[in-house]
Structures are given as structure tokens and as C-alpha cells.
C-alpha atoms as a PDB file:
ATOM      1  CA  MET A   1      41.796 121.578  85.047  1.00  0.00           C
ATOM      2  CA  MET A   2      42.590 119.050  87.743  1.00  0.00           C
ATOM      3  CA  ASN A   3      41.469 119.649  91.273  1.00  0.00           C
ATOM      4  CA  TYR A   4      43.525 118.588  94.294  1.00  0.00           C
ATOM      5  CA  PHE A   5      41.615 115.320  94.685  1.00  0.00           C
ATOM      6  CA  SER A   6      42.168 114.362  91.034  1.00  0.00           C
ATOM      7  CA  TYR A   7      45.863 115.208  91.239  1.00  0.00           C
ATOM      8  CA  THR A   8      46.237 113.154  94.429  1.00  0.00           C
ATOM      9  CA  MET A   9      44.500 110.161  92.820  1.00  0.00           C
ATOM     10  CA  VAL A  10      46.739 110.353  89.744  1.00  0.00           C
ATOM     11  CA  PHE A  11      49.846 110.543  91.937  1.00  0.00           C
ATOM     12  CA  GLU A  12      48.702 107.619  94.100  1.00  0.00           C
ATOM     13  CA  ASN A  13      47.918 105.542  90.989  1.00  0.00           C
ATOM     14  CA  ARG A  14      51.376 106.255  89.572  1.00  0.00           C
ATOM     15  CA  GLU A  15      52.969 105.083  92.815  1.00  0.00           C
ATOM     16  CA  ILE A  16      50.868 101.902  92.771  1.00  0.00           C
ATOM     17  CA  HIS A  17      51.819 101.310  89.122  1.00  0.00           C
ATOM     18  CA  LYS A  18      55.511 101.732  89.944  1.00  0.00           C
ATOM     19  CA  ARG A  19      55.305  99.248  92.836  1.00  0.00           C
ATOM     20  CA  ILE A  20      53.456  96.671  90.754  1.00  0.00           C
ATOM     21  CA  GLU A  21      55.847  97.023  87.804  1.00  0.00           C
ATOM     22  CA  LYS A  22      58.863  96.748  90.101  1.00  0.00           C
ATOM     23  CA  GLY A  23      57.350  93.818  91.976  1.00  0.00           C
ATOM     24  CA  LEU A  24      56.250  91.794  88.977  1.00  0.00           C
ATOM     25  CA  GLY A  25      58.906  92.922  86.523  1.00  0.00           C
ATOM     26  CA  SER A  26      60.686  89.616  86.046  1.00  0.00           C
ATOM     27  CA  LYS A  27      60.294  85.862  85.931  1.00  0.00           C
ATOM     28  CA  GLY A  28      62.600  85.638  88.940  1.00  0.00           C
ATOM     29  CA  LYS A  29      60.439  87.880  91.090  1.00  0.00           C
ATOM     30  CA  LEU A  30      57.348  85.917  90.146  1.00  0.00           C
ATOM     31  CA  ARG A  31      59.049  82.666  91.139  1.00  0.00           C
ATOM     32  CA  ILE A  32      60.240  84.121  94.451  1.00  0.00           C
ATOM     33  CA  ILE A  33      56.768  85.467  95.241  1.00  0.00           C
ATOM     34  CA  ARG A  34      55.245  82.099  94.322  1.00  0.00           C
ATOM     35  CA  GLU A  35      57.627  80.164  96.602  1.00  0.00           C
ATOM     36  CA  LEU A  36      57.126  82.533  99.521  1.00  0.00           C
ATOM     37  CA  ALA A  37      53.352  82.459  99.003  1.00  0.00           C
ATOM     38  CA  LYS A  38      53.225  78.660  99.209  1.00  0.00           C
ATOM     39  CA  ARG A  39      54.041  78.953 102.918  1.00  0.00           C
ATOM     40  CA  PRO A  40      53.295  82.554 103.941  1.00  0.00           C
ATOM     41  CA  ASP A  41      54.034  81.902 107.619  1.00  0.00           C
ATOM     42  CA  SER A  42      57.452  80.383 106.890  1.00  0.00           C
ATOM     43  CA  LEU A  43      60.797  82.097 106.488  1.00  0.00           C
ATOM     44  CA  LEU A  44      63.156  81.127 103.664  1.00  0.00           C
ATOM     45  CA  THR A  45      66.846  81.864 103.188  1.00  0.00           C
ATOM     46  CA  LYS A  46      68.334  83.078  99.909  1.00  0.00           C
ATOM     47  CA  TYR A  47      69.849  79.622  99.465  1.00  0.00           C
ATOM     48  CA  ALA A  48      66.454  77.939  99.862  1.00  0.00           C
ATOM     49  CA  LEU A  49      64.946  80.353  97.328  1.00  0.00           C
ATOM     50  CA  GLU A  50      67.783  79.640  94.891  1.00  0.00           C
ATOM     51  CA  LYS A  51      67.120  75.909  95.131  1.00  0.00           C
ATOM     52  CA  LYS A  52      63.321  76.151  94.969  1.00  0.00           C
ATOM     53  CA  THR A  53      63.234  78.649  92.076  1.00  0.00           C
ATOM     54  CA  GLY A  54      66.257  77.574  90.027  1.00  0.00           C
ATOM     55  CA  ILE A  55      67.383  81.205  89.854  1.00  0.00           C
ATOM     56  CA  LYS A  56      71.070  82.152  89.974  1.00  0.00           C
ATOM     57  CA  PRO A  57      72.275  83.527  93.352  1.00  0.00           C
ATOM     58  CA  VAL A  58      73.063  86.965  91.925  1.00  0.00           C
ATOM     59  CA  ASP A  59      69.532  87.236  90.511  1.00  0.00           C
ATOM     60  CA  VAL A  60      67.903  86.051  93.743  1.00  0.00           C
ATOM     61  CA  ARG A  61      69.813  88.765  95.633  1.00  0.00           C
ATOM     62  CA  ALA A  62      68.807  91.486  93.172  1.00  0.00           C
ATOM     63  CA  ASN A  63      65.171  90.399  93.062  1.00  0.00           C
ATOM     64  CA  LEU A  64      64.911  90.145  96.843  1.00  0.00           C
ATOM     65  CA  LYS A  65      66.444  93.601  97.188  1.00  0.00           C
ATOM     66  CA  SER A  66      63.730  95.066  94.939  1.00  0.00           C
ATOM     67  CA  LEU A  67      60.932  93.158  96.666  1.00  0.00           C
ATOM     68  CA  VAL A  68      62.146  94.280 100.106  1.00  0.00           C
ATOM     69  CA  GLU A  69      62.446  97.902  98.892  1.00  0.00           C
ATOM     70  CA  ILE A  70      58.790  98.016  97.847  1.00  0.00           C
ATOM     71  CA  GLY A  71      57.658  96.263 101.006  1.00  0.00           C
ATOM     72  CA  TRP A  72      56.346  93.075  99.406  1.00  0.00           C
ATOM     73  CA  VAL A  73      58.919  90.909 101.181  1.00  0.00           C
ATOM     74  CA  VAL A  74      60.104  91.278 104.760  1.00  0.00           C
ATOM     75  CA  GLU A  75      63.751  90.607 105.550  1.00  0.00           C
ATOM     76  CA  HIS A  76      64.325  89.060 108.985  1.00  0.00           C
ATOM     77  CA  SER A  77      67.831  89.634 110.313  1.00  0.00           C
ATOM     78  CA  TYR A  78      68.913  86.493 112.058  1.00  0.00           C
ATOM     79  CA  ARG A  79      72.420  85.039 111.891  1.00  0.00           C
ATOM     80  CA  ILE A  80      71.395  84.127 108.341  1.00  0.00           C
ATOM     81  CA  LYS A  81      68.870  86.506 106.762  1.00  0.00           C
ATOM     82  CA  LYS A  82      65.479  85.000 106.065  1.00  0.00           C
ATOM     83  CA  TYR A  83      62.636  86.260 103.930  1.00  0.00           C
ATOM     84  CA  GLN A  84      58.865  86.206 104.163  1.00  0.00           C
ATOM     85  CA  LEU A  85      56.051  87.552 102.033  1.00  0.00           C
ATOM     86  CA  ASN A  86      54.413  90.649 103.526  1.00  0.00           C
ATOM     87  CA  MET A  87      50.797  89.511 103.700  1.00  0.00           C
ATOM     88  CA  GLU A  88      49.848  92.811 105.372  1.00  0.00           C
ATOM     89  CA  ASP A  89      50.359  94.619 102.061  1.00  0.00           C
ATOM     90  CA  GLU A  90      47.094  94.928 100.130  1.00  0.00           C
ATOM     91  CA  ILE A  91      48.739  94.624  96.711  1.00  0.00           C
ATOM     92  CA  VAL A  92      50.530  91.452  97.811  1.00  0.00           C
ATOM     93  CA  LYS A  93      47.262  89.943  99.077  1.00  0.00           C
ATOM     94  CA  GLU A  94      45.464  90.772  95.830  1.00  0.00           C
ATOM     95  CA  THR A  95      48.381  89.465  93.750  1.00  0.00           C
ATOM     96  CA  ILE A  96      48.412  86.159  95.636  1.00  0.00           C
ATOM     97  CA  ASP A  97      44.637  85.832  95.270  1.00  0.00           C
ATOM     98  CA  TYR A  98      44.987  86.426  91.530  1.00  0.00           C
ATOM     99  CA  MET A  99      47.828  83.896  91.255  1.00  0.00           C
ATOM    100  CA  ARG A 100      45.628  81.301  92.931  1.00  0.00           C
ATOM    101  CA  LYS A 101      42.698  82.146  90.693  1.00  0.00           C
ATOM    102  CA  ILE A 102      44.708  81.614  87.500  1.00  0.00           C
ATOM    103  CA  LYS A 103      46.379  78.471  88.942  1.00  0.00           C
ATOM    104  CA  TYR A 104      49.884  79.983  88.992  1.00  0.00           C
ATOM    105  CA  LEU A 105      49.946  79.241  92.701  1.00  0.00           C
ATOM    106  CA  PHE A 106      48.463  76.105  94.206  1.00  0.00           C
END
């Protein structure tokens, strides 16, 4: 029988799993994360991400929507929306560290 602590841990792990699967669920998301991680203090437009990643505009929009929903990317509302990696998120920080370690990100 599970106690409250065990149940809470299982629930929290499921939520973490969902965020990771949603965040890393496609080649497009990986490319967007990689481009944003190259310059974490910079803001990029959708157009810039399209050009840097080679991803179709419709896919960039869909991938950014998912990444913003899970809090991995921050959307800045200027005249033209700009995007930035959320380096305050622990999963994002660990993911970027891992990407550097395996040479996916330089």
C-alpha cells in the first residue's frame, strides 16, 4: 500500500516525465532548444528560429507553443514576439548541461 509520500512522489515523477516528453518530443523542438541555448541571454523571433533551424514556419509555431506551455521557453511580447530559453527551470538547465556533455550543443 502506498503512503501519501510515495503517492506524491509518483505523481510528481509523472508530471516531470510528461514535461520532458513534451519538451523533447521532436527533432524540431531539439533544434529550437539548441539554437536558444547557444545564446541564452538573447531573444530570437520565430523568423530567426525558422532560418537557424531549417524548420517550416508552421512547425516552429507549434513547437514554440508547446515549449512555452511547459515553461521551457519564455515568450516576450514586443511588437514582434521574441523567445528565450527559461534558464531558471531546473529541467532546462540539466538538459542544456547534458546537450553540452554529449556535444549536441557547443
